Protein backbone atom coordinates (compact mmCIF):
# COMPACT_ATOMS: atom_id res chain seq x y z
CA MET A 1 109.44 119.64 101.25
CA THR A 2 105.69 119.26 99.78
CA ILE A 3 103.43 116.31 100.21
CA GLN A 4 100.02 115.41 98.48
CA CYS A 5 97.20 113.63 100.67
CA ASP A 6 94.28 112.01 99.45
CA GLU A 7 92.10 109.10 100.15
CA MET A 8 89.98 106.34 98.52
CA TRP A 9 88.02 103.76 99.91
CA SER A 10 87.38 99.99 99.59
CA PHE A 11 85.77 97.40 101.44
CA VAL A 12 86.32 94.38 102.85
CA SER A 13 83.49 91.48 102.51
CA ASN A 14 81.16 93.88 101.86
CA LYS A 15 80.08 97.35 101.13
CA GLY A 16 78.52 97.84 104.01
CA ASN A 17 82.47 97.88 105.40
CA LYS A 18 84.04 100.47 103.98
CA GLN A 19 87.47 101.04 104.52
CA TRP A 20 89.45 103.98 103.41
CA ILE A 21 92.82 104.22 102.64
CA TRP A 22 94.84 107.49 103.25
CA LEU A 23 98.04 108.45 101.29
CA ALA A 24 100.86 111.43 101.64
CA LEU A 25 103.28 111.14 98.46
CA ASP A 26 105.79 113.13 98.30
CA TRP A 27 105.57 115.88 95.27
CA LYS A 28 109.15 115.69 94.33
CA THR A 29 110.01 112.42 94.23
CA GLY A 30 106.70 110.35 93.63
CA GLU A 31 107.16 108.41 96.89
CA ILE A 32 104.46 107.50 98.95
CA VAL A 33 106.06 108.50 102.21
CA ALA A 34 102.44 107.78 104.61
CA VAL A 35 99.74 105.22 104.64
CA PHE A 36 96.82 104.87 106.88
CA VAL A 37 93.71 102.60 106.45
CA GLY A 38 90.85 103.29 108.97
CA ALA A 39 87.64 105.88 108.49
CA ARG A 40 87.25 108.65 106.77
CA SER A 41 86.97 110.80 109.85
CA ARG A 42 89.08 112.63 112.06
CA SER A 43 90.88 109.82 113.51
CA GLY A 44 91.85 108.17 109.73
CA ALA A 45 93.55 111.69 108.91
CA ASN A 46 95.35 111.71 112.29
CA GLY A 47 96.44 107.93 111.63
CA LEU A 48 97.87 109.68 108.47
CA TRP A 49 99.89 112.16 110.29
CA GLN A 50 101.22 110.14 112.75
CA SER A 51 102.37 107.51 110.31
CA LEU A 52 104.31 110.17 108.69
CA PRO A 53 108.06 110.48 109.41
CA GLY A 54 108.89 113.05 112.32
CA VAL A 55 110.71 115.30 109.34
CA TYR A 56 107.34 115.92 106.86
CA ARG A 57 105.47 116.44 110.13
CA GLN A 58 107.96 119.48 111.12
CA CYS A 59 109.08 120.63 107.39
CA ALA A 60 106.49 119.64 104.95
CA VAL A 61 103.73 121.35 103.27
CA CYS A 62 100.65 119.22 103.11
CA TYR A 63 98.09 120.16 100.06
CA THR A 64 95.04 118.39 100.72
CA ASP A 65 91.20 118.45 99.48
CA PHE A 66 88.73 120.70 101.33
CA TRP A 67 88.07 117.63 103.79
CA GLN A 68 87.83 119.27 107.41
CA ALA A 69 89.08 116.09 108.63
CA TYR A 70 92.60 117.30 107.08
CA GLU A 71 92.15 120.82 108.71
CA GLN A 72 91.58 119.35 112.00
CA VAL A 73 94.59 117.67 112.13
CA ILE A 74 97.16 119.15 110.37
CA PRO A 75 98.85 122.40 111.63
CA LYS A 76 97.51 125.28 109.88
CA SER A 77 100.81 126.23 109.45
CA ARG A 78 101.75 123.18 106.99
CA HIS A 79 98.00 122.65 105.50
CA ARG A 80 96.75 124.38 102.39
CA ALA A 81 93.39 122.85 101.04
CA VAL A 82 92.67 123.51 97.90
CA GLY A 83 90.65 122.81 95.06
CA LYS A 84 90.80 119.73 91.68
CA ARG A 85 91.51 122.30 89.25
CA SER A 86 94.53 123.60 91.47
CA GLY A 87 96.57 120.52 90.16
CA LYS A 88 98.10 120.32 93.74
CA THR A 89 96.66 116.88 94.78
CA ASN A 90 96.61 115.22 91.02
CA PRO A 91 99.10 113.23 90.94
CA CYS A 92 98.24 111.64 94.24
CA HIS A 93 94.48 111.44 93.51
CA THR A 94 94.97 110.89 89.55
CA ARG A 95 98.54 108.86 88.85
CA PHE A 96 98.55 107.04 92.08
CA ASN A 97 94.75 106.40 93.20
CA CYS A 98 93.67 105.51 89.72
CA THR A 99 96.53 103.56 88.48
CA LEU A 100 96.27 101.31 91.59
CA ARG A 101 92.33 100.58 90.95
CA PRO A 102 92.91 98.62 88.16
CA ARG A 103 96.24 96.15 89.21
CA VAL A 104 94.57 96.03 92.23
CA SER A 105 91.31 93.97 91.97
CA ARG A 106 90.00 94.47 95.43
CA LEU A 107 90.30 98.22 95.22
CA VAL A 108 87.43 98.55 92.58
CA ARG A 109 84.62 100.30 92.75
CA ASN A 110 82.20 97.71 91.33
CA THR A 111 84.27 94.51 91.21
CA LEU A 112 83.55 91.28 89.50
CA SER A 113 87.14 90.34 91.10
CA PHE A 114 87.77 88.26 94.16
CA SER A 115 90.62 87.09 96.31
CA CYS A 116 91.27 83.97 98.37
CA GLU A 117 91.81 84.22 102.01
CA ILE A 118 95.37 82.65 102.71
CA ARG A 119 95.29 80.74 106.31
């Protein structure tokens, strides 16, 4: 099993309130196997790791960028930090994150879009 992990940010109410969306995609199926929303820190990486199904935590090899929070949380036997040119994190970053931003206007970095609060 191989998964690719990446994170992207958006904000809530104002740009000073950044929220990070952490994702893990199964390399073979393209399915999202884990999601966590939180800070870009060790606790965020830990939230993503804990949201993975047990079989992925026990068996999968996790490809990430060199963000040190991943190294602090994912066991060394399961973790492979790679550069962007390796292509090992491209599907997660390029295919999913870059496709998601135009479709969900709240995730666009410089947005002119808005959404309504439902009560």
